[in-house]
Amino acid sequence: LYDALLREECLDGVEVYHHDNPEDVRKELLAVAENRHLMV
């Protein structure tokens, strides 16, 4: 579900800086945001 949601066209941004996101997830989300031009 996580992977599918990150591919959704209706997504405008991702919440990166949150205590439930460990460092590896933050790096992954930042890469997705940069690749898809999403808000952080």
PDB file of all heavy atoms in Angstrom:
ATOM      1  N   LEU A   1       0.836  -1.201   0.000  1.00  0.00           N
ATOM      2  CA  LEU A   1       0.000   0.000   0.000  1.00  0.00           C
ATOM      3  C   LEU A   1       0.871   1.252   0.000  1.00  0.00           C
ATOM      4  O   LEU A   1       0.583   2.216  -0.723  1.00  0.00           O
ATOM      5  CB  LEU A   1      -0.927  -0.001   1.219  1.00  0.00           C
ATOM      6  CG  LEU A   1      -1.841   1.213   1.375  1.00  0.00           C
ATOM      7  CD1 LEU A   1      -2.790   1.347   0.190  1.00  0.00           C
ATOM      8  CD2 LEU A   1      -2.634   1.144   2.678  1.00  0.00           C
ATOM      9  N   TYR A   2       1.927   1.241   0.794  1.00  0.00           N
ATOM     10  CA  TYR A   2       2.877   2.360   0.860  1.00  0.00           C
ATOM     11  C   TYR A   2       3.444   2.669  -0.528  1.00  0.00           C
ATOM     12  O   TYR A   2       3.426   3.821  -0.981  1.00  0.00           O
ATOM     13  CB  TYR A   2       3.985   1.994   1.839  1.00  0.00           C
ATOM     14  CG  TYR A   2       5.217   2.865   1.823  1.00  0.00           C
ATOM     15  CD1 TYR A   2       5.258   4.063   2.530  1.00  0.00           C
ATOM     16  CD2 TYR A   2       6.364   2.459   1.133  1.00  0.00           C
ATOM     17  CE1 TYR A   2       6.408   4.836   2.538  1.00  0.00           C
ATOM     18  CE2 TYR A   2       7.514   3.230   1.142  1.00  0.00           C
ATOM     19  CZ  TYR A   2       7.534   4.423   1.846  1.00  0.00           C
ATOM     20  OH  TYR A   2       8.677   5.188   1.858  1.00  0.00           O
ATOM     21  N   ASP A   3       3.913   1.642  -1.216  1.00  0.00           N
ATOM     22  CA  ASP A   3       4.492   1.832  -2.546  1.00  0.00           C
ATOM     23  C   ASP A   3       3.446   2.351  -3.531  1.00  0.00           C
ATOM     24  O   ASP A   3       3.726   3.243  -4.346  1.00  0.00           O
ATOM     25  CB  ASP A   3       5.062   0.507  -3.063  1.00  0.00           C
ATOM     26  CG  ASP A   3       6.336   0.094  -2.334  1.00  0.00           C
ATOM     27  OD1 ASP A   3       7.009   0.982  -1.760  1.00  0.00           O
ATOM     28  OD2 ASP A   3       6.644  -1.112  -2.323  1.00  0.00           O
ATOM     29  N   ALA A   4       2.229   1.794  -3.446  1.00  0.00           N
ATOM     30  CA  ALA A   4       1.164   2.199  -4.371  1.00  0.00           C
ATOM     31  C   ALA A   4       0.762   3.656  -4.145  1.00  0.00           C
ATOM     32  O   ALA A   4       0.565   4.414  -5.106  1.00  0.00           O
ATOM     33  CB  ALA A   4      -0.046   1.286  -4.202  1.00  0.00           C
ATOM     34  N   LEU A   5       0.657   4.069  -2.893  1.00  0.00           N
ATOM     35  CA  LEU A   5       0.247   5.441  -2.583  1.00  0.00           C
ATOM     36  C   LEU A   5       1.278   6.451  -3.080  1.00  0.00           C
ATOM     37  O   LEU A   5       0.918   7.532  -3.560  1.00  0.00           O
ATOM     38  CB  LEU A   5       0.036   5.604  -1.082  1.00  0.00           C
ATOM     39  CG  LEU A   5      -1.201   4.900  -0.504  1.00  0.00           C
ATOM     40  CD1 LEU A   5      -1.169   4.940   1.028  1.00  0.00           C
ATOM     41  CD2 LEU A   5      -2.483   5.542  -1.016  1.00  0.00           C
ATOM     42  N   LEU A   6       2.546   6.116  -2.977  1.00  0.00           N
ATOM     43  CA  LEU A   6       3.599   7.034  -3.430  1.00  0.00           C
ATOM     44  C   LEU A   6       3.603   7.200  -4.952  1.00  0.00           C
ATOM     45  O   LEU A   6       4.207   8.147  -5.457  1.00  0.00           O
ATOM     46  CB  LEU A   6       4.968   6.561  -2.948  1.00  0.00           C
ATOM     47  CG  LEU A   6       5.223   6.671  -1.440  1.00  0.00           C
ATOM     48  CD1 LEU A   6       6.612   6.169  -1.098  1.00  0.00           C
ATOM     49  CD2 LEU A   6       5.059   8.114  -0.958  1.00  0.00           C
ATOM     50  N   ARG A   7       2.918   6.312  -5.654  1.00  0.00           N
ATOM     51  CA  ARG A   7       2.838   6.416  -7.119  1.00  0.00           C
ATOM     52  C   ARG A   7       1.567   7.128  -7.578  1.00  0.00           C
ATOM     53  O   ARG A   7       1.409   7.409  -8.768  1.00  0.00           O
ATOM     54  CB  ARG A   7       2.877   5.015  -7.755  1.00  0.00           C
ATOM     55  CG  ARG A   7       4.203   4.288  -7.615  1.00  0.00           C
ATOM     56  CD  ARG A   7       4.249   3.071  -8.532  1.00  0.00           C
ATOM     57  NE  ARG A   7       3.239   2.074  -8.172  1.00  0.00           N
ATOM     58  CZ  ARG A   7       3.457   1.047  -7.342  1.00  0.00           C
ATOM     59  NH1 ARG A   7       4.651   0.889  -6.787  1.00  0.00           N
ATOM     60  NH2 ARG A   7       2.483   0.183  -7.083  1.00  0.00           N
ATOM     61  N   GLU A   8       0.658   7.417  -6.654  1.00  0.00           N
ATOM     62  CA  GLU A   8      -0.635   7.988  -7.031  1.00  0.00           C
ATOM     63  C   GLU A   8      -0.495   9.380  -7.660  1.00  0.00           C
ATOM     64  O   GLU A   8       0.210  10.232  -7.131  1.00  0.00           O
ATOM     65  CB  GLU A   8      -1.561   8.075  -5.814  1.00  0.00           C
ATOM     66  CG  GLU A   8      -2.076   6.731  -5.332  1.00  0.00           C
ATOM     67  CD  GLU A   8      -3.037   6.077  -6.315  1.00  0.00           C
ATOM     68  OE1 GLU A   8      -3.480   6.758  -7.267  1.00  0.00           O
ATOM     69  OE2 GLU A   8      -3.331   4.883  -6.123  1.00  0.00           O
ATOM     70  N   GLU A   9      -1.226   9.573  -8.762  1.00  0.00           N
ATOM     71  CA  GLU A   9      -1.153  10.849  -9.483  1.00  0.00           C
ATOM     72  C   GLU A   9      -1.754  12.004  -8.689  1.00  0.00           C
ATOM     73  O   GLU A   9      -1.352  13.160  -8.851  1.00  0.00           O
ATOM     74  CB  GLU A   9      -1.871  10.725 -10.832  1.00  0.00           C
ATOM     75  CG  GLU A   9      -1.110   9.915 -11.866  1.00  0.00           C
ATOM     76  CD  GLU A   9       0.247  10.517 -12.208  1.00  0.00           C
ATOM     77  OE1 GLU A   9       0.325  11.750 -12.400  1.00  0.00           O
ATOM     78  OE2 GLU A   9       1.224   9.763 -12.268  1.00  0.00           O
ATOM     79  N   CYS A  10      -2.732  11.713  -7.832  1.00  0.00           N
ATOM     80  CA  CYS A  10      -3.402  12.800  -7.108  1.00  0.00           C
ATOM     81  C   CYS A  10      -2.571  13.322  -5.937  1.00  0.00           C
ATOM     82  O   CYS A  10      -2.951  14.298  -5.288  1.00  0.00           O
ATOM     83  CB  CYS A  10      -4.765  12.352  -6.602  1.00  0.00           C
ATOM     84  SG  CYS A  10      -4.723  10.991  -5.439  1.00  0.00           S
ATOM     85  N   LEU A  11      -1.431  12.708  -5.678  1.00  0.00           N
ATOM     86  CA  LEU A  11      -0.579  13.128  -4.566  1.00  0.00           C
ATOM     87  C   LEU A  11       0.173  14.410  -4.923  1.00  0.00           C
ATOM     88  O   LEU A  11       0.805  14.503  -5.973  1.00  0.00           O
ATOM     89  CB  LEU A  11       0.417  12.003  -4.248  1.00  0.00           C
ATOM     90  CG  LEU A  11       0.987  11.927  -2.840  1.00  0.00           C
ATOM     91  CD1 LEU A  11      -0.102  11.710  -1.809  1.00  0.00           C
ATOM     92  CD2 LEU A  11       2.021  10.809  -2.746  1.00  0.00           C
ATOM     93  N   ASP A  12       0.080  15.401  -4.031  1.00  0.00           N
ATOM     94  CA  ASP A  12       0.799  16.669  -4.233  1.00  0.00           C
ATOM     95  C   ASP A  12       2.035  16.787  -3.347  1.00  0.00           C
ATOM     96  O   ASP A  12       2.878  17.652  -3.572  1.00  0.00           O
ATOM     97  CB  ASP A  12      -0.123  17.860  -3.916  1.00  0.00           C
ATOM     98  CG  ASP A  12      -1.339  17.898  -4.821  1.00  0.00           C
ATOM     99  OD1 ASP A  12      -1.147  17.934  -6.052  1.00  0.00           O
ATOM    100  OD2 ASP A  12      -2.469  17.894  -4.305  1.00  0.00           O
ATOM    101  N   GLY A  13       2.105  15.961  -2.312  1.00  0.00           N
ATOM    102  CA  GLY A  13       3.232  16.078  -1.398  1.00  0.00           C
ATOM    103  C   GLY A  13       3.312  14.897  -0.446  1.00  0.00           C
ATOM    104  O   GLY A  13       2.415  14.059  -0.365  1.00  0.00           O
ATOM    105  N   VAL A  14       4.425  14.841   0.294  1.00  0.00           N
ATOM    106  CA  VAL A  14       4.648  13.800   1.300  1.00  0.00           C
ATOM    107  C   VAL A  14       5.153  14.447   2.582  1.00  0.00           C
ATOM    108  O   VAL A  14       5.928  15.413   2.545  1.00  0.00           O
ATOM    109  CB  VAL A  14       5.655  12.726   0.818  1.00  0.00           C
ATOM    110  CG1 VAL A  14       5.029  11.802  -0.209  1.00  0.00           C
ATOM    111  CG2 VAL A  14       6.916  13.361   0.272  1.00  0.00           C
ATOM    112  N   GLU A  15       4.694  13.920   3.699  1.00  0.00           N
ATOM    113  CA  GLU A  15       5.174  14.399   4.997  1.00  0.00           C
ATOM    114  C   GLU A  15       6.452  13.627   5.333  1.00  0.00           C
ATOM    115  O   GLU A  15       6.403  12.438   5.665  1.00  0.00           O
ATOM    116  CB  GLU A  15       4.115  14.182   6.079  1.00  0.00           C
ATOM    117  CG  GLU A  15       4.531  14.751   7.422  1.00  0.00           C
ATOM    118  CD  GLU A  15       3.453  14.614   8.479  1.00  0.00           C
ATOM    119  OE1 GLU A  15       2.877  13.510   8.600  1.00  0.00           O
ATOM    120  OE2 GLU A  15       3.177  15.616   9.173  1.00  0.00           O
ATOM    121  N   VAL A  16       7.566  14.305   5.249  1.00  0.00           N
ATOM    122  CA  VAL A  16       8.880  13.678   5.471  1.00  0.00           C
ATOM    123  C   VAL A  16       9.302  13.799   6.924  1.00  0.00           C
ATOM    124  O   VAL A  16       9.740  12.823   7.549  1.00  0.00           O
ATOM    125  CB  VAL A  16       9.941  14.306   4.546  1.00  0.00           C
ATOM    126  CG1 VAL A  16      11.339  13.758   4.877  1.00  0.00           C
ATOM    127  CG2 VAL A  16       9.593  14.050   3.079  1.00  0.00           C
ATOM    128  N   TYR A  17       9.171  15.000   7.481  1.00  0.00           N
ATOM    129  CA  TYR A  17       9.720  15.291   8.807  1.00  0.00           C
ATOM    130  C   TYR A  17       8.649  15.032   9.881  1.00  0.00           C
ATOM    131  O   TYR A  17       7.870  15.899  10.247  1.00  0.00           O
ATOM    132  CB  TYR A  17      10.254  16.723   8.849  1.00  0.00           C
ATOM    133  CG  TYR A  17      11.361  16.909   7.838  1.00  0.00           C
ATOM    134  CD1 TYR A  17      11.100  17.449   6.578  1.00  0.00           C
ATOM    135  CD2 TYR A  17      12.653  16.486   8.130  1.00  0.00           C
ATOM    136  CE1 TYR A  17      12.110  17.579   5.637  1.00  0.00           C
ATOM    137  CE2 TYR A  17      13.666  16.604   7.190  1.00  0.00           C
ATOM    138  CZ  TYR A  17      13.388  17.149   5.952  1.00  0.00           C
ATOM    139  OH  TYR A  17      14.395  17.267   5.021  1.00  0.00           O
ATOM    140  N   HIS A  18       8.658  13.799  10.355  1.00  0.00           N
ATOM    141  CA  HIS A  18       7.698  13.338  11.366  1.00  0.00           C
ATOM    142  C   HIS A  18       8.363  12.219  12.157  1.00  0.00           C
ATOM    143  O   HIS A  18       9.111  11.409  11.594  1.00  0.00           O
ATOM    144  CB  HIS A  18       6.416  12.836  10.687  1.00  0.00           C
ATOM    145  CG  HIS A  18       5.311  12.494  11.637  1.00  0.00           C
ATOM    146  ND1 HIS A  18       5.269  11.303  12.336  1.00  0.00           N
ATOM    147  CD2 HIS A  18       4.207  13.189  12.016  1.00  0.00           C
ATOM    148  CE1 HIS A  18       4.199  11.274  13.105  1.00  0.00           C
ATOM    149  NE2 HIS A  18       3.535  12.413  12.928  1.00  0.00           N
ATOM    150  N   HIS A  19       8.064  12.148  13.447  1.00  0.00           N
ATOM    151  CA  HIS A  19       8.754  11.177  14.304  1.00  0.00           C
ATOM    152  C   HIS A  19       8.452   9.726  13.945  1.00  0.00           C
ATOM    153  O   HIS A  19       9.198   8.822  14.342  1.00  0.00           O
ATOM    154  CB  HIS A  19       8.428  11.435  15.777  1.00  0.00           C
ATOM    155  CG  HIS A  19       6.971  11.374  16.116  1.00  0.00           C
ATOM    156  ND1 HIS A  19       6.263  10.198  16.218  1.00  0.00           N
ATOM    157  CD2 HIS A  19       6.067  12.368  16.368  1.00  0.00           C
ATOM    158  CE1 HIS A  19       5.005  10.449  16.533  1.00  0.00           C
ATOM    159  NE2 HIS A  19       4.848  11.764  16.614  1.00  0.00           N
ATOM    160  N   ASP A  20       7.391   9.477  13.159  1.00  0.00           N
ATOM    161  CA  ASP A  20       7.091   8.110  12.729  1.00  0.00           C
ATOM    162  C   ASP A  20       7.855   7.701  11.475  1.00  0.00           C
ATOM    163  O   ASP A  20       7.715   6.562  11.014  1.00  0.00           O
ATOM    164  CB  ASP A  20       5.590   7.941  12.482  1.00  0.00           C
ATOM    165  CG  ASP A  20       4.842   7.534  13.741  1.00  0.00           C
ATOM    166  OD1 ASP A  20       5.412   6.760  14.540  1.00  0.00           O
ATOM    167  OD2 ASP A  20       3.700   7.993  13.941  1.00  0.00           O
ATOM    168  N   ASN A  21       8.635   8.602  10.912  1.00  0.00           N
ATOM    169  CA  ASN A  21       9.448   8.295   9.736  1.00  0.00           C
ATOM    170  C   ASN A  21      10.908   8.122  10.146  1.00  0.00           C
ATOM    171  O   ASN A  21      11.584   9.113  10.455  1.00  0.00           O
ATOM    172  CB  ASN A  21       9.362   9.418   8.700  1.00  0.00           C
ATOM    173  CG  ASN A  21       7.997   9.558   8.083  1.00  0.00           C
ATOM    174  OD1 ASN A  21       7.219   8.614   8.029  1.00  0.00           O
ATOM    175  ND2 ASN A  21       7.700  10.753   7.578  1.00  0.00           N
ATOM    176  N   PRO A  22      11.424   6.887  10.165  1.00  0.00           N
ATOM    177  CA  PRO A  22      12.857   6.709  10.457  1.00  0.00           C
ATOM    178  C   PRO A  22      13.721   7.290   9.341  1.00  0.00           C
ATOM    179  O   PRO A  22      13.215   7.640   8.266  1.00  0.00           O
ATOM    180  CB  PRO A  22      13.014   5.192  10.564  1.00  0.00           C
ATOM    181  CG  PRO A  22      11.853   4.624   9.813  1.00  0.00           C
ATOM    182  CD  PRO A  22      10.734   5.612   9.926  1.00  0.00           C
ATOM    183  N   GLU A  23      14.987   7.373   9.583  1.00  0.00           N
ATOM    184  CA  GLU A  23      15.898   8.052   8.656  1.00  0.00           C
ATOM    185  C   GLU A  23      15.879   7.441   7.259  1.00  0.00           C
ATOM    186  O   GLU A  23      15.901   8.171   6.259  1.00  0.00           O
ATOM    187  CB  GLU A  23      17.330   8.020   9.217  1.00  0.00           C
ATOM    188  CG  GLU A  23      18.294   8.956   8.504  1.00  0.00           C
ATOM    189  CD  GLU A  23      17.850  10.418   8.540  1.00  0.00           C
ATOM    190  OE1 GLU A  23      17.286  10.848   9.572  1.00  0.00           O
ATOM    191  OE2 GLU A  23      18.060  11.130   7.537  1.00  0.00           O
ATOM    192  N   ASP A  24      15.810   6.124   7.156  1.00  0.00           N
ATOM    193  CA  ASP A  24      15.811   5.501   5.830  1.00  0.00           C
ATOM    194  C   ASP A  24      14.545   5.849   5.040  1.00  0.00           C
ATOM    195  O   ASP A  24      14.601   6.045   3.820  1.00  0.00           O
ATOM    196  CB  ASP A  24      15.978   3.984   5.940  1.00  0.00           C
ATOM    197  CG  ASP A  24      14.839   3.310   6.697  1.00  0.00           C
ATOM    198  OD1 ASP A  24      14.372   3.883   7.695  1.00  0.00           O
ATOM    199  OD2 ASP A  24      14.406   2.213   6.289  1.00  0.00           O
ATOM    200  N   VAL A  25      13.416   5.945   5.751  1.00  0.00           N
ATOM    201  CA  VAL A  25      12.162   6.326   5.092  1.00  0.00           C
ATOM    202  C   VAL A  25      12.219   7.784   4.659  1.00  0.00           C
ATOM    203  O   VAL A  25      11.754   8.143   3.569  1.00  0.00           O
ATOM    204  CB  VAL A  25      10.950   6.071   6.028  1.00  0.00           C
ATOM    205  CG1 VAL A  25       9.667   6.658   5.425  1.00  0.00           C
ATOM    206  CG2 VAL A  25      10.768   4.582   6.270  1.00  0.00           C
ATOM    207  N   ARG A  26      12.806   8.634   5.488  1.00  0.00           N
ATOM    208  CA  ARG A  26      12.925  10.052   5.125  1.00  0.00           C
ATOM    209  C   ARG A  26      13.731  10.213   3.832  1.00  0.00           C
ATOM    210  O   ARG A  26      13.344  10.983   2.938  1.00  0.00           O
ATOM    211  CB  ARG A  26      13.588  10.842   6.259  1.00  0.00           C
ATOM    212  CG  ARG A  26      12.740  10.904   7.517  1.00  0.00           C
ATOM    213  CD  ARG A  26      13.369  11.757   8.594  1.00  0.00           C
ATOM    214  NE  ARG A  26      12.589  11.699   9.838  1.00  0.00           N
ATOM    215  CZ  ARG A  26      12.465  12.684  10.705  1.00  0.00           C
ATOM    216  NH1 ARG A  26      13.089  13.829  10.487  1.00  0.00           N
ATOM    217  NH2 ARG A  26      11.733  12.540  11.791  1.00  0.00           N
ATOM    218  N   LYS A  27      14.840   9.489   3.735  1.00  0.00           N
ATOM    219  CA  LYS A  27      15.666   9.568   2.523  1.00  0.00           C
ATOM    220  C   LYS A  27      14.882   9.079   1.304  1.00  0.00           C
ATOM    221  O   LYS A  27      14.946   9.667   0.220  1.00  0.00           O
ATOM    222  CB  LYS A  27      16.934   8.744   2.711  1.00  0.00           C
ATOM    223  CG  LYS A  27      17.925   9.347   3.690  1.00  0.00           C
ATOM    224  CD  LYS A  27      19.155   8.466   3.858  1.00  0.00           C
ATOM    225  CE  LYS A  27      20.134   9.079   4.851  1.00  0.00           C
ATOM    226  NZ  LYS A  27      21.315   8.207   5.071  1.00  0.00           N
ATOM    227  N   GLU A  28      14.133   8.007   1.491  1.00  0.00           N
ATOM    228  CA  GLU A  28      13.322   7.451   0.416  1.00  0.00           C
ATOM    229  C   GLU A  28      12.250   8.450  -0.026  1.00  0.00           C
ATOM    230  O   GLU A  28      12.033   8.676  -1.224  1.00  0.00           O
ATOM    231  CB  GLU A  28      12.667   6.162   0.929  1.00  0.00           C
ATOM    232  CG  GLU A  28      11.986   5.318  -0.121  1.00  0.00           C
ATOM    233  CD  GLU A  28      11.547   3.981   0.458  1.00  0.00           C
ATOM    234  OE1 GLU A  28      10.906   3.969   1.541  1.00  0.00           O
ATOM    235  OE2 GLU A  28      11.839   2.954  -0.172  1.00  0.00           O
ATOM    236  N   LEU A  29      11.589   9.079   0.939  1.00  0.00           N
ATOM    237  CA  LEU A  29      10.531  10.044   0.625  1.00  0.00           C
ATOM    238  C   LEU A  29      11.088  11.286  -0.054  1.00  0.00           C
ATOM    239  O   LEU A  29      10.467  11.832  -0.975  1.00  0.00           O
ATOM    240  CB  LEU A  29       9.786  10.433   1.902  1.00  0.00           C
ATOM    241  CG  LEU A  29       8.949   9.330   2.556  1.00  0.00           C
ATOM    242  CD1 LEU A  29       8.443   9.782   3.918  1.00  0.00           C
ATOM    243  CD2 LEU A  29       7.792   8.915   1.661  1.00  0.00           C
ATOM    244  N   LEU A  30      12.242  11.750   0.391  1.00  0.00           N
ATOM    245  CA  LEU A  30      12.868  12.915  -0.253  1.00  0.00           C
ATOM    246  C   LEU A  30      13.216  12.620  -1.699  1.00  0.00           C
ATOM    247  O   LEU A  30      13.067  13.482  -2.575  1.00  0.00           O
ATOM    248  CB  LEU A  30      14.112  13.339   0.529  1.00  0.00           C
ATOM    249  CG  LEU A  30      13.862  14.067   1.857  1.00  0.00           C
ATOM    250  CD1 LEU A  30      15.168  14.237   2.632  1.00  0.00           C
ATOM    251  CD2 LEU A  30      13.209  15.425   1.632  1.00  0.00           C
ATOM    252  N   ALA A  31      13.669  11.394  -1.968  1.00  0.00           N
ATOM    253  CA  ALA A  31      13.995  11.001  -3.343  1.00  0.00           C
ATOM    254  C   ALA A  31      12.726  10.969  -4.200  1.00  0.00           C
ATOM    255  O   ALA A  31      12.728  11.437  -5.350  1.00  0.00           O
ATOM    256  CB  ALA A  31      14.675   9.634  -3.345  1.00  0.00           C
ATOM    257  N   VAL A  32      11.632  10.438  -3.643  1.00  0.00           N
ATOM    258  CA  VAL A  32      10.360  10.404  -4.370  1.00  0.00           C
ATOM    259  C   VAL A  32       9.876  11.830  -4.646  1.00  0.00           C
ATOM    260  O   VAL A  32       9.424  12.145  -5.747  1.00  0.00           O
ATOM    261  CB  VAL A  32       9.291   9.622  -3.565  1.00  0.00           C
ATOM    262  CG1 VAL A  32       7.907   9.804  -4.185  1.00  0.00           C
ATOM    263  CG2 VAL A  32       9.646   8.151  -3.489  1.00  0.00           C
ATOM    264  N   ALA A  33       9.973  12.687  -3.631  1.00  0.00           N
ATOM    265  CA  ALA A  33       9.525  14.075  -3.780  1.00  0.00           C
ATOM    266  C   ALA A  33      10.321  14.800  -4.848  1.00  0.00           C
ATOM    267  O   ALA A  33       9.756  15.545  -5.658  1.00  0.00           O
ATOM    268  CB  ALA A  33       9.650  14.801  -2.443  1.00  0.00           C
ATOM    269  N   GLU A  34      11.622  14.574  -4.862  1.00  0.00           N
ATOM    270  CA  GLU A  34      12.464  15.232  -5.872  1.00  0.00           C
ATOM    271  C   GLU A  34      12.142  14.702  -7.262  1.00  0.00           C
ATOM    272  O   GLU A  34      12.018  15.476  -8.217  1.00  0.00           O
ATOM    273  CB  GLU A  34      13.937  14.994  -5.545  1.00  0.00           C
ATOM    274  CG  GLU A  34      14.878  15.696  -6.493  1.00  0.00           C
ATOM    275  CD  GLU A  34      16.337  15.541  -6.116  1.00  0.00           C
ATOM    276  OE1 GLU A  34      16.648  14.755  -5.203  1.00  0.00           O
ATOM    277  OE2 GLU A  34      17.173  16.215  -6.753  1.00  0.00           O
ATOM    278  N   ASN A  35      11.970  13.402  -7.384  1.00  0.00           N
ATOM    279  CA  ASN A  35      11.702  12.784  -8.681  1.00  0.00           C
ATOM    280  C   ASN A  35      10.344  13.201  -9.246  1.00  0.00           C
ATOM    281  O   ASN A  35      10.202  13.431 -10.450  1.00  0.00           O
ATOM    282  CB  ASN A  35      11.765  11.259  -8.539  1.00  0.00           C
ATOM    283  CG  ASN A  35      11.559  10.547  -9.857  1.00  0.00           C
ATOM    284  OD1 ASN A  35      12.234  10.827 -10.843  1.00  0.00           O
ATOM    285  ND2 ASN A  35      10.620   9.619  -9.887  1.00  0.00           N
ATOM    286  N   ARG A  36       9.355  13.333  -8.349  1.00  0.00           N
ATOM    287  CA  ARG A  36       7.995  13.642  -8.794  1.00  0.00           C
ATOM    288  C   ARG A  36       7.626  15.114  -8.604  1.00  0.00           C
ATOM    289  O   ARG A  36       6.504  15.509  -8.886  1.00  0.00           O
ATOM    290  CB  ARG A  36       6.987  12.767  -8.030  1.00  0.00           C
ATOM    291  CG  ARG A  36       7.054  11.281  -8.372  1.00  0.00           C
ATOM    292  CD  ARG A  36       5.799  10.564  -7.882  1.00  0.00           C
ATOM    293  NE  ARG A  36       4.602  11.220  -8.378  1.00  0.00           N
ATOM    294  CZ  ARG A  36       3.372  11.023  -7.893  1.00  0.00           C
ATOM    295  NH1 ARG A  36       3.206  10.180  -6.887  1.00  0.00           N
ATOM    296  NH2 ARG A  36       2.328  11.654  -8.373  1.00  0.00           N
ATOM    297  N   HIS A  37       8.555  15.909  -8.128  1.00  0.00           N
ATOM    298  CA  HIS A  37       8.319  17.344  -7.881  1.00  0.00           C
ATOM    299  C   HIS A  37       7.162  17.554  -6.907  1.00  0.00           C
ATOM    300  O   HIS A  37       6.252  18.364  -7.152  1.00  0.00           O
ATOM    301  CB  HIS A  37       8.056  18.084  -9.193  1.00  0.00           C
ATOM    302  CG  HIS A  37       9.114  17.864 -10.231  1.00  0.00           C
ATOM    303  ND1 HIS A  37      10.379  18.401 -10.120  1.00  0.00           N
ATOM    304  CD2 HIS A  37       9.115  17.142 -11.378  1.00  0.00           C
ATOM    305  CE1 HIS A  37      11.110  18.034 -11.168  1.00  0.00           C
ATOM    306  NE2 HIS A  37      10.358  17.268 -11.944  1.00  0.00           N
ATOM    307  N   LEU A  38       7.191  16.816  -5.793  1.00  0.00           N
ATOM    308  CA  LEU A  38       6.165  16.907  -4.769  1.00  0.00           C
ATOM    309  C   LEU A  38       6.576  17.867  -3.662  1.00  0.00           C
ATOM    310  O   LEU A  38       7.761  18.087  -3.419  1.00  0.00           O
ATOM    311  CB  LEU A  38       5.898  15.523  -4.152  1.00  0.00           C
ATOM    312  CG  LEU A  38       5.434  14.413  -5.086  1.00  0.00           C
ATOM    313  CD1 LEU A  38       5.318  13.100  -4.315  1.00  0.00           C
ATOM    314  CD2 LEU A  38       4.113  14.767  -5.749  1.00  0.00           C
ATOM    315  N   MET A  39       5.576  18.441  -2.974  1.00  0.00           N
ATOM    316  CA  MET A  39       5.838  19.249  -1.794  1.00  0.00           C
ATOM    317  C   MET A  39       6.379  18.359  -0.684  1.00  0.00           C
ATOM    318  O   MET A  39       6.035  17.177  -0.600  1.00  0.00           O
ATOM    319  CB  MET A  39       4.563  19.929  -1.297  1.00  0.00           C
ATOM    320  CG  MET A  39       3.940  20.916  -2.223  1.00  0.00           C
ATOM    321  SD  MET A  39       2.564  21.794  -1.410  1.00  0.00           S
ATOM    322  CE  MET A  39       1.552  20.430  -0.854  1.00  0.00           C
ATOM    323  N   VAL A  40       7.177  18.946   0.177  1.00  0.00           N
ATOM    324  CA  VAL A  40       7.681  18.256   1.361  1.00  0.00           C
ATOM    325  C   VAL A  40       7.161  18.997   2.588  1.00  0.00           C
ATOM    326  O   VAL A  40       7.280  20.215   2.682  1.00  0.00           O
ATOM    327  CB  VAL A  40       9.224  18.218   1.383  1.00  0.00           C
ATOM    328  CG1 VAL A  40       9.748  17.694   2.723  1.00  0.00           C
ATOM    329  CG2 VAL A  40       9.747  17.355   0.239  1.00  0.00           C
TER     330      VAL A  40
END
